[in-house]
Amino acid sequence: QVQLVESGGSKVQPGGSLKLSCAASGFSLSSSNIAMSWHRQAPGKEREWVATISSIIGSTNYADSVLGRFTLSRDYDKNTVYLQMNTLEPDDTAKYYCRAVDRVFDVWGQGTLVTVSS
């Protein structure tokens, strides 16, 4: 069964950092080029795309709002994708979701909550 489990969300002060994890099961990040992406949904707003990494090629793309502050990476041994978030701002407050898409599946995780507040 293909599954994604996010973790690492927390409350942090403005200017702080967090590292989110997306642990994948039921498939391997190293076996095919899967588009692994992060999305977020703030209270009262629509879900928006944050960033994408190709699991084998390693190419990345970021939304303008997070470019230069967020960084994607992946660990084949742990079958996990990470989102390093630096210089966090109150507008980054949202529930963050991981998504995996390839030719045969399109799956979302349940999300992890990030709150940026003093």
Protein backbone atom coordinates (compact mmCIF):
# COMPACT_ATOMS: atom_id res chain seq x y z
CA GLN A 1 0.00 0.00 0.00
CA VAL A 2 1.42 3.37 -1.04
CA GLN A 3 1.54 5.71 1.92
CA LEU A 4 3.14 9.01 2.97
CA VAL A 5 3.57 10.12 6.56
CA GLU A 6 4.63 13.66 7.36
CA SER A 7 6.27 14.76 10.59
CA GLY A 8 8.28 17.63 12.05
CA GLY A 9 5.61 20.30 12.30
CA SER A 10 5.68 22.49 15.37
CA LYS A 11 5.27 26.01 16.66
CA VAL A 12 8.29 28.23 15.99
CA GLN A 13 9.09 31.91 16.36
CA PRO A 14 9.48 34.17 13.31
CA GLY A 15 12.96 33.81 11.88
CA GLY A 16 13.26 30.24 13.13
CA SER A 17 13.76 26.97 11.28
CA LEU A 18 12.02 23.63 10.98
CA LYS A 19 12.70 20.46 9.02
CA LEU A 20 9.71 18.49 7.80
CA SER A 21 9.93 14.82 6.87
CA CYS A 22 7.85 12.80 4.43
CA ALA A 23 8.38 9.08 4.94
CA ALA A 24 7.25 6.96 2.02
CA SER A 25 6.18 3.33 2.10
CA GLY A 26 4.85 0.97 -0.55
CA PHE A 27 7.25 2.33 -3.15
CA SER A 28 10.92 3.27 -3.43
CA LEU A 29 12.21 6.75 -4.15
CA SER A 30 15.21 5.22 -5.91
CA SER A 31 13.35 2.82 -8.21
CA SER A 32 11.60 5.31 -10.46
CA ASN A 33 11.52 9.04 -10.96
CA ILE A 34 8.67 10.14 -8.76
CA ALA A 35 7.56 13.73 -8.34
CA MET A 36 7.63 14.36 -4.61
CA SER A 37 6.08 17.66 -3.66
CA TRP A 38 5.07 19.69 -0.64
CA HIS A 39 1.92 21.73 -0.46
CA ARG A 40 0.40 23.81 2.30
CA GLN A 41 -2.97 25.07 3.36
CA ALA A 42 -3.36 28.03 5.68
CA PRO A 43 -6.57 28.54 7.68
CA GLY A 44 -9.30 29.88 5.42
CA LYS A 45 -7.19 29.59 2.28
CA GLU A 46 -6.85 27.13 -0.59
CA ARG A 47 -4.10 24.57 -0.67
CA GLU A 48 -1.03 25.85 -2.52
CA TRP A 49 2.04 24.21 -4.00
CA VAL A 50 5.33 24.86 -2.19
CA ALA A 51 8.06 22.80 -3.83
CA THR A 52 8.82 19.67 -5.87
CA ILE A 53 11.79 17.32 -6.15
CA SER A 54 12.27 14.55 -8.71
CA SER A 55 13.19 11.52 -6.68
CA ILE A 56 15.94 10.19 -8.99
CA ILE A 57 17.05 13.17 -11.07
CA GLY A 58 17.02 15.39 -7.99
CA SER A 59 15.86 18.52 -9.79
CA THR A 60 13.91 20.94 -7.63
CA ASN A 61 11.41 23.73 -8.08
CA TYR A 62 10.12 26.18 -5.51
CA ALA A 63 7.27 28.64 -5.22
CA ASP A 64 8.45 32.25 -5.31
CA SER A 65 7.23 32.76 -1.75
CA VAL A 66 9.70 30.20 -0.35
CA LEU A 67 12.57 30.41 -2.85
CA GLY A 68 15.84 30.94 -1.03
CA ARG A 69 14.35 29.98 2.35
CA PHE A 70 13.16 26.39 1.84
CA THR A 71 15.28 23.48 0.57
CA LEU A 72 14.25 20.00 -0.53
CA SER A 73 16.34 16.86 -0.12
CA ARG A 74 15.86 13.10 -0.17
CA ASP A 75 17.39 10.11 1.60
CA TYR A 76 17.16 6.82 -0.26
CA ASP A 77 18.14 4.71 2.75
CA LYS A 78 15.27 6.16 4.79
CA ASN A 79 12.99 6.48 1.75
CA THR A 80 12.21 9.96 2.96
CA VAL A 81 11.96 13.45 1.50
CA TYR A 82 12.77 16.47 3.63
CA LEU A 83 11.75 20.12 3.52
CA GLN A 84 14.20 22.36 5.37
CA MET A 85 12.48 25.65 6.18
CA ASN A 86 14.56 28.62 7.28
CA THR A 87 13.76 32.23 8.10
CA LEU A 88 10.17 31.30 8.77
CA GLU A 89 7.52 34.00 8.61
CA PRO A 90 4.01 34.17 10.09
CA ASP A 91 2.63 33.73 6.54
CA ASP A 92 4.26 30.28 6.47
CA THR A 93 1.75 29.12 9.08
CA ALA A 94 -0.18 26.25 7.52
CA LYS A 95 -0.71 22.54 7.44
CA TYR A 96 1.95 21.05 5.19
CA TYR A 97 1.18 18.06 3.00
CA CYS A 98 3.45 15.71 1.07
CA ARG A 99 2.40 14.30 -2.29
CA ALA A 100 3.86 11.56 -4.50
CA VAL A 101 2.95 11.28 -8.18
CA ASP A 102 4.12 8.84 -10.81
CA ARG A 103 2.51 6.95 -13.72
CA VAL A 104 0.42 4.65 -11.52
CA PHE A 105 -0.37 6.54 -8.35
CA ASP A 106 -1.07 9.98 -6.92
CA VAL A 107 -1.06 9.92 -3.12
CA TRP A 108 -1.18 12.52 -0.35
CA GLY A 109 -0.13 12.34 3.26
CA GLN A 110 -2.25 13.50 6.18
CA GLY A 111 -0.24 16.64 6.83
CA THR A 112 1.77 18.21 9.64
CA LEU A 113 1.01 21.57 11.24
CA VAL A 114 3.48 24.45 11.22
CA THR A 115 2.74 27.54 13.28
CA VAL A 116 4.99 30.59 13.08
CA SER A 117 4.20 32.95 15.90
CA SER A 118 5.86 34.86 18.70
